[in-house]
């Protein structure tokens, strides 16, 4: 698995996951349970992960949708 981005915004994570799913790319949100343990304050970012072989295509899909991503 390779990280695409980190965010504390659950709505954005849902949107990005849906965009990737529409492109046939399976994504996983890591650190969800850690965020819950911190009291759901939203201060710990969650990571959007994809398989290493899907990473470049996933970045392209998200960038074409206007999503700014951190440099690789």
PDB file of N, CA and C in Angstrom:
ATOM      1  N   UNK A   1       0.838  -1.178   0.000  1.00  0.00           N
ATOM      2  CA  UNK A   1       0.000   0.000   0.000  1.00  0.00           C
ATOM      3  C   UNK A   1       0.882   1.240   0.000  1.00  0.00           C
ATOM      4  N   UNK A   2       0.384   2.260  -0.679  1.00  0.00           N
ATOM      5  CA  UNK A   2       1.131   3.505  -0.779  1.00  0.00           C
ATOM      6  C   UNK A   2       0.177   4.666  -0.482  1.00  0.00           C
ATOM      7  N   UNK A   3       0.683   5.638   0.248  1.00  0.00           N
ATOM      8  CA  UNK A   3      -0.136   6.766   0.683  1.00  0.00           C
ATOM      9  C   UNK A   3      -0.314   7.798  -0.431  1.00  0.00           C
ATOM     10  N   UNK A   4      -1.561   8.240  -0.603  1.00  0.00           N
ATOM     11  CA  UNK A   4      -1.852   9.329  -1.527  1.00  0.00           C
ATOM     12  C   UNK A   4      -1.855  10.669  -0.801  1.00  0.00           C
ATOM     13  N   UNK A   5      -2.492  10.701   0.368  1.00  0.00           N
ATOM     14  CA  UNK A   5      -2.574  11.943   1.128  1.00  0.00           C
ATOM     15  C   UNK A   5      -3.015  11.666   2.551  1.00  0.00           C
ATOM     16  N   UNK A   6      -2.909  12.706   3.391  1.00  0.00           N
ATOM     17  CA  UNK A   6      -3.392  12.675   4.768  1.00  0.00           C
ATOM     18  C   UNK A   6      -4.338  13.853   4.949  1.00  0.00           C
ATOM     19  N   UNK A   7      -5.435  13.617   5.652  1.00  0.00           N
ATOM     20  CA  UNK A   7      -6.385  14.690   5.925  1.00  0.00           C
ATOM     21  C   UNK A   7      -7.193  14.373   7.171  1.00  0.00           C
ATOM     22  N   UNK A   8      -7.700  15.415   7.797  1.00  0.00           N
ATOM     23  CA  UNK A   8      -8.601  15.246   8.936  1.00  0.00           C
ATOM     24  C   UNK A   8     -10.051  15.432   8.506  1.00  0.00           C
ATOM     25  N   UNK A   9     -10.293  15.617   7.223  1.00  0.00           N
ATOM     26  CA  UNK A   9     -11.637  15.879   6.689  1.00  0.00           C
ATOM     27  C   UNK A   9     -12.298  14.574   6.225  1.00  0.00           C
ATOM     28  N   UNK A  10     -13.243  14.052   7.001  1.00  0.00           N
ATOM     29  CA  UNK A  10     -13.881  12.782   6.618  1.00  0.00           C
ATOM     30  C   UNK A  10     -14.733  12.896   5.353  1.00  0.00           C
ATOM     31  N   UNK A  11     -15.274  14.069   5.087  1.00  0.00           N
ATOM     32  CA  UNK A  11     -16.074  14.259   3.875  1.00  0.00           C
ATOM     33  C   UNK A  11     -15.173  14.181   2.641  1.00  0.00           C
ATOM     34  N   UNK A  12     -14.006  14.815   2.725  1.00  0.00           N
ATOM     35  CA  UNK A  12     -13.059  14.742   1.608  1.00  0.00           C
ATOM     36  C   UNK A  12     -12.596  13.310   1.373  1.00  0.00           C
ATOM     37  N   UNK A  13     -12.325  12.582   2.446  1.00  0.00           N
ATOM     38  CA  UNK A  13     -11.918  11.180   2.300  1.00  0.00           C
ATOM     39  C   UNK A  13     -12.996  10.363   1.591  1.00  0.00           C
ATOM     40  N   UNK A  14     -14.237  10.594   1.962  1.00  0.00           N
ATOM     41  CA  UNK A  14     -15.344   9.883   1.326  1.00  0.00           C
ATOM     42  C   UNK A  14     -15.423  10.223  -0.160  1.00  0.00           C
ATOM     43  N   UNK A  15     -15.299  11.503  -0.483  1.00  0.00           N
ATOM     44  CA  UNK A  15     -15.335  11.961  -1.871  1.00  0.00           C
ATOM     45  C   UNK A  15     -14.199  11.351  -2.689  1.00  0.00           C
ATOM     46  N   UNK A  16     -12.988  11.390  -2.153  1.00  0.00           N
ATOM     47  CA  UNK A  16     -11.836  10.855  -2.881  1.00  0.00           C
ATOM     48  C   UNK A  16     -11.939   9.347  -3.061  1.00  0.00           C
ATOM     49  N   UNK A  17     -12.413   8.664  -2.044  1.00  0.00           N
ATOM     50  CA  UNK A  17     -12.603   7.219  -2.139  1.00  0.00           C
ATOM     51  C   UNK A  17     -13.619   6.879  -3.222  1.00  0.00           C
ATOM     52  N   UNK A  18     -14.691   7.676  -3.307  1.00  0.00           N
ATOM     53  CA  UNK A  18     -15.718   7.457  -4.335  1.00  0.00           C
ATOM     54  C   UNK A  18     -15.156   7.720  -5.728  1.00  0.00           C
ATOM     55  N   UNK A  19     -14.359   8.782  -5.883  1.00  0.00           N
ATOM     56  CA  UNK A  19     -13.732   9.061  -7.176  1.00  0.00           C
ATOM     57  C   UNK A  19     -12.857   7.895  -7.625  1.00  0.00           C
ATOM     58  N   UNK A  20     -12.069   7.383  -6.699  1.00  0.00           N
ATOM     59  CA  UNK A  20     -11.190   6.261  -7.037  1.00  0.00           C
ATOM     60  C   UNK A  20     -11.995   5.010  -7.365  1.00  0.00           C
ATOM     61  N   UNK A  21     -13.041   4.753  -6.601  1.00  0.00           N
ATOM     62  CA  UNK A  21     -13.880   3.580  -6.866  1.00  0.00           C
ATOM     63  C   UNK A  21     -14.503   3.668  -8.262  1.00  0.00           C
ATOM     64  N   UNK A  22     -14.944   4.861  -8.651  1.00  0.00           N
ATOM     65  CA  UNK A  22     -15.511   5.040  -9.996  1.00  0.00           C
ATOM     66  C   UNK A  22     -14.490   4.734 -11.076  1.00  0.00           C
ATOM     67  N   UNK A  23     -13.207   4.927 -10.768  1.00  0.00           N
ATOM     68  CA  UNK A  23     -12.133   4.633 -11.726  1.00  0.00           C
ATOM     69  C   UNK A  23     -11.644   3.196 -11.603  1.00  0.00           C
ATOM     70  N   UNK A  24     -12.280   2.412 -10.732  1.00  0.00           N
ATOM     71  CA  UNK A  24     -11.894   1.013 -10.567  1.00  0.00           C
ATOM     72  C   UNK A  24     -10.676   0.812  -9.690  1.00  0.00           C
ATOM     73  N   UNK A  25     -10.375   1.800  -8.850  1.00  0.00           N
ATOM     74  CA  UNK A  25      -9.211   1.724  -7.955  1.00  0.00           C
ATOM     75  C   UNK A  25      -9.708   1.561  -6.529  1.00  0.00           C
ATOM     76  N   UNK A  26      -9.277   0.486  -5.885  1.00  0.00           N
ATOM     77  CA  UNK A  26      -9.668   0.254  -4.497  1.00  0.00           C
ATOM     78  C   UNK A  26      -8.776   1.077  -3.572  1.00  0.00           C
ATOM     79  N   UNK A  27      -9.402   1.834  -2.691  1.00  0.00           N
ATOM     80  CA  UNK A  27      -8.665   2.663  -1.735  1.00  0.00           C
ATOM     81  C   UNK A  27      -9.027   2.249  -0.315  1.00  0.00           C
ATOM     82  N   UNK A  28      -8.090   2.457   0.586  1.00  0.00           N
ATOM     83  CA  UNK A  28      -8.285   2.155   2.003  1.00  0.00           C
ATOM     84  C   UNK A  28      -7.956   3.406   2.802  1.00  0.00           C
ATOM     85  N   UNK A  29      -8.767   3.657   3.829  1.00  0.00           N
ATOM     86  CA  UNK A  29      -8.487   4.764   4.738  1.00  0.00           C
ATOM     87  C   UNK A  29      -7.835   4.173   5.980  1.00  0.00           C
ATOM     88  N   UNK A  30      -6.590   4.567   6.212  1.00  0.00           N
ATOM     89  CA  UNK A  30      -5.834   4.069   7.366  1.00  0.00           C
ATOM     90  C   UNK A  30      -5.942   5.065   8.515  1.00  0.00           C
ATOM     91  N   UNK A  31      -5.757   4.571   9.705  1.00  0.00           N
ATOM     92  CA  UNK A  31      -5.740   5.367  10.940  1.00  0.00           C
ATOM     93  C   UNK A  31      -7.128   5.794  11.405  1.00  0.00           C
ATOM     94  N   UNK A  32      -8.168   5.176  10.887  1.00  0.00           N
ATOM     95  CA  UNK A  32      -9.523   5.519  11.317  1.00  0.00           C
ATOM     96  C   UNK A  32      -9.706   5.208  12.789  1.00  0.00           C
ATOM     97  N   UNK A  33      -9.238   4.065  13.234  1.00  0.00           N
ATOM     98  CA  UNK A  33      -9.419   3.681  14.633  1.00  0.00           C
ATOM     99  C   UNK A  33      -8.597   4.564  15.565  1.00  0.00           C
ATOM    100  N   UNK A  34      -7.442   4.985  15.136  1.00  0.00           N
ATOM    101  CA  UNK A  34      -6.631   5.899  15.936  1.00  0.00           C
ATOM    102  C   UNK A  34      -7.372   7.211  16.121  1.00  0.00           C
ATOM    103  N   UNK A  35      -8.001   7.687  15.072  1.00  0.00           N
ATOM    104  CA  UNK A  35      -8.759   8.929  15.150  1.00  0.00           C
ATOM    105  C   UNK A  35      -9.924   8.795  16.127  1.00  0.00           C
ATOM    106  N   UNK A  36     -10.560   7.645  16.140  1.00  0.00           N
ATOM    107  CA  UNK A  36     -11.671   7.405  17.071  1.00  0.00           C
ATOM    108  C   UNK A  36     -11.155   7.390  18.499  1.00  0.00           C
ATOM    109  N   UNK A  37     -10.000   6.770  18.723  1.00  0.00           N
ATOM    110  CA  UNK A  37      -9.434   6.698  20.068  1.00  0.00           C
ATOM    111  C   UNK A  37      -9.085   8.065  20.634  1.00  0.00           C
ATOM    112  N   UNK A  38      -8.757   9.027  19.768  1.00  0.00           N
ATOM    113  CA  UNK A  38      -8.406  10.349  20.256  1.00  0.00           C
ATOM    114  C   UNK A  38      -9.638  11.165  20.612  1.00  0.00           C
ATOM    115  N   UNK A  39     -10.793  10.525  20.609  1.00  0.00           N
ATOM    116  CA  UNK A  39     -12.013  11.191  21.043  1.00  0.00           C
ATOM    117  C   UNK A  39     -12.791  11.838  19.917  1.00  0.00           C
ATOM    118  N   UNK A  40     -12.498  11.461  18.689  1.00  0.00           N
ATOM    119  CA  UNK A  40     -13.178  12.019  17.513  1.00  0.00           C
ATOM    120  C   UNK A  40     -13.070  13.536  17.453  1.00  0.00           C
ATOM    121  N   UNK A  41     -11.958  14.065  17.927  1.00  0.00           N
ATOM    122  CA  UNK A  41     -11.732  15.507  17.866  1.00  0.00           C
ATOM    123  C   UNK A  41     -11.302  15.956  16.468  1.00  0.00           C
ATOM    124  N   UNK A  42     -10.839  15.011  15.671  1.00  0.00           N
ATOM    125  CA  UNK A  42     -10.438  15.327  14.308  1.00  0.00           C
ATOM    126  C   UNK A  42      -9.063  15.947  14.181  1.00  0.00           C
ATOM    127  N   UNK A  43      -8.207  15.739  15.171  1.00  0.00           N
ATOM    128  CA  UNK A  43      -6.870  16.333  15.106  1.00  0.00           C
ATOM    129  C   UNK A  43      -5.830  15.400  14.495  1.00  0.00           C
ATOM    130  N   UNK A  44      -6.099  14.108  14.491  1.00  0.00           N
ATOM    131  CA  UNK A  44      -5.162  13.144  13.895  1.00  0.00           C
ATOM    132  C   UNK A  44      -5.597  12.844  12.459  1.00  0.00           C
ATOM    133  N   UNK A  45      -4.711  13.069  11.502  1.00  0.00           N
ATOM    134  CA  UNK A  45      -5.094  12.830  10.109  1.00  0.00           C
ATOM    135  C   UNK A  45      -5.223  11.344   9.796  1.00  0.00           C
ATOM    136  N   UNK A  46      -6.084  11.062   8.847  1.00  0.00           N
ATOM    137  CA  UNK A  46      -6.243   9.716   8.308  1.00  0.00           C
ATOM    138  C   UNK A  46      -5.545   9.684   6.962  1.00  0.00           C
ATOM    139  N   UNK A  47      -5.029   8.506   6.598  1.00  0.00           N
ATOM    140  CA  UNK A  47      -4.283   8.354   5.341  1.00  0.00           C
ATOM    141  C   UNK A  47      -5.120   7.633   4.307  1.00  0.00           C
ATOM    142  N   UNK A  48      -5.134   8.163   3.092  1.00  0.00           N
ATOM    143  CA  UNK A  48      -5.786   7.512   1.963  1.00  0.00           C
ATOM    144  C   UNK A  48      -4.724   6.685   1.247  1.00  0.00           C
ATOM    145  N   UNK A  49      -4.936   5.377   1.214  1.00  0.00           N
ATOM    146  CA  UNK A  49      -3.944   4.435   0.687  1.00  0.00           C
ATOM    147  C   UNK A  49      -4.502   3.675  -0.518  1.00  0.00           C
ATOM    148  N   UNK A  50      -3.607   3.364  -1.455  1.00  0.00           N
ATOM    149  CA  UNK A  50      -3.945   2.504  -2.597  1.00  0.00           C
ATOM    150  C   UNK A  50      -2.798   1.522  -2.803  1.00  0.00           C
ATOM    151  N   UNK A  51      -3.044   0.498  -3.578  1.00  0.00           N
ATOM    152  CA  UNK A  51      -1.980  -0.442  -3.914  1.00  0.00           C
ATOM    153  C   UNK A  51      -0.888   0.297  -4.679  1.00  0.00           C
ATOM    154  N   UNK A  52       0.341  -0.117  -4.483  1.00  0.00           N
ATOM    155  CA  UNK A  52       1.472   0.554  -5.127  1.00  0.00           C
ATOM    156  C   UNK A  52       1.317   0.594  -6.648  1.00  0.00           C
ATOM    157  N   UNK A  53       0.793  -0.479  -7.221  1.00  0.00           N
ATOM    158  CA  UNK A  53       0.652  -0.508  -8.681  1.00  0.00           C
ATOM    159  C   UNK A  53      -0.460   0.415  -9.186  1.00  0.00           C
ATOM    160  N   UNK A  54      -1.367   0.857  -8.300  1.00  0.00           N
ATOM    161  CA  UNK A  54      -2.446   1.778  -8.677  1.00  0.00           C
ATOM    162  C   UNK A  54      -2.120   3.232  -8.335  1.00  0.00           C
ATOM    163  N   UNK A  55      -1.007   3.478  -7.656  1.00  0.00           N
ATOM    164  CA  UNK A  55      -0.713   4.801  -7.113  1.00  0.00           C
ATOM    165  C   UNK A  55      -0.645   5.904  -8.183  1.00  0.00           C
ATOM    166  N   UNK A  56       0.108   5.686  -9.244  1.00  0.00           N
ATOM    167  CA  UNK A  56       0.253   6.721 -10.280  1.00  0.00           C
ATOM    168  C   UNK A  56      -1.089   7.021 -10.944  1.00  0.00           C
ATOM    169  N   UNK A  57      -1.845   5.990 -11.255  1.00  0.00           N
ATOM    170  CA  UNK A  57      -3.159   6.198 -11.887  1.00  0.00           C
ATOM    171  C   UNK A  57      -4.113   6.888 -10.926  1.00  0.00           C
ATOM    172  N   UNK A  58      -4.047   6.526  -9.632  1.00  0.00           N
ATOM    173  CA  UNK A  58      -4.901   7.156  -8.628  1.00  0.00           C
ATOM    174  C   UNK A  58      -4.592   8.647  -8.519  1.00  0.00           C
ATOM    175  N   UNK A  59      -3.313   9.001  -8.518  1.00  0.00           N
ATOM    176  CA  UNK A  59      -2.928  10.427  -8.479  1.00  0.00           C
ATOM    177  C   UNK A  59      -3.494  11.163  -9.688  1.00  0.00           C
ATOM    178  N   UNK A  60      -3.399  10.553 -10.852  1.00  0.00           N
ATOM    179  CA  UNK A  60      -3.920  11.180 -12.067  1.00  0.00           C
ATOM    180  C   UNK A  60      -5.422  11.398 -11.968  1.00  0.00           C
ATOM    181  N   UNK A  61      -6.149  10.393 -11.504  1.00  0.00           N
ATOM    182  CA  UNK A  61      -7.605  10.507 -11.362  1.00  0.00           C
ATOM    183  C   UNK A  61      -7.959  11.672 -10.441  1.00  0.00           C
ATOM    184  N   UNK A  62      -7.296  11.752  -9.292  1.00  0.00           N
ATOM    185  CA  UNK A  62      -7.615  12.802  -8.327  1.00  0.00           C
ATOM    186  C   UNK A  62      -7.186  14.183  -8.818  1.00  0.00           C
ATOM    187  N   UNK A  63      -6.041  14.267  -9.467  1.00  0.00           N
ATOM    188  CA  UNK A  63      -5.587  15.557  -9.997  1.00  0.00           C
ATOM    189  C   UNK A  63      -6.505  16.051 -11.111  1.00  0.00           C
ATOM    190  N   UNK A  64      -6.983  15.138 -11.964  1.00  0.00           N
ATOM    191  CA  UNK A  64      -7.917  15.517 -13.030  1.00  0.00           C
ATOM    192  C   UNK A  64      -9.256  15.987 -12.470  1.00  0.00           C
ATOM    193  N   UNK A  65      -9.583  15.547 -11.261  1.00  0.00           N
ATOM    194  CA  UNK A  65     -10.825  15.982 -10.600  1.00  0.00           C
ATOM    195  C   UNK A  65     -10.614  17.295  -9.842  1.00  0.00           C
ATOM    196  N   UNK A  66      -9.406  17.861  -9.932  1.00  0.00           N
ATOM    197  CA  UNK A  66      -9.136  19.131  -9.299  1.00  0.00           C
ATOM    198  C   UNK A  66      -8.681  19.044  -7.861  1.00  0.00           C
ATOM    199  N   UNK A  67      -8.316  17.844  -7.428  1.00  0.00           N
ATOM    200  CA  UNK A  67      -7.843  17.664  -6.063  1.00  0.00           C
ATOM    201  C   UNK A  67      -6.350  17.920  -5.981  1.00  0.00           C
ATOM    202  N   UNK A  68      -5.973  18.841  -5.132  1.00  0.00           N
ATOM    203  CA  UNK A  68      -4.555  19.103  -4.926  1.00  0.00           C
ATOM    204  C   UNK A  68      -3.960  18.023  -4.047  1.00  0.00           C
ATOM    205  N   UNK A  69      -2.865  17.462  -4.474  1.00  0.00           N
ATOM    206  CA  UNK A  69      -2.198  16.402  -3.728  1.00  0.00           C
ATOM    207  C   UNK A  69      -0.790  16.850  -3.366  1.00  0.00           C
ATOM    208  N   UNK A  70      -0.282  16.342  -2.256  1.00  0.00           N
ATOM    209  CA  UNK A  70       1.101  16.680  -1.904  1.00  0.00           C
ATOM    210  C   UNK A  70       2.068  16.095  -2.925  1.00  0.00           C
ATOM    211  N   UNK A  71       3.235  16.708  -3.039  1.00  0.00           N
ATOM    212  CA  UNK A  71       4.241  16.188  -3.957  1.00  0.00           C
ATOM    213  C   UNK A  71       4.630  14.775  -3.559  1.00  0.00           C
ATOM    214  N   UNK A  72       4.925  13.976  -4.556  1.00  0.00           N
ATOM    215  CA  UNK A  72       5.271  12.574  -4.330  1.00  0.00           C
ATOM    216  C   UNK A  72       6.584  12.426  -3.631  1.00  0.00           C
TER     217      UNK A  72
END
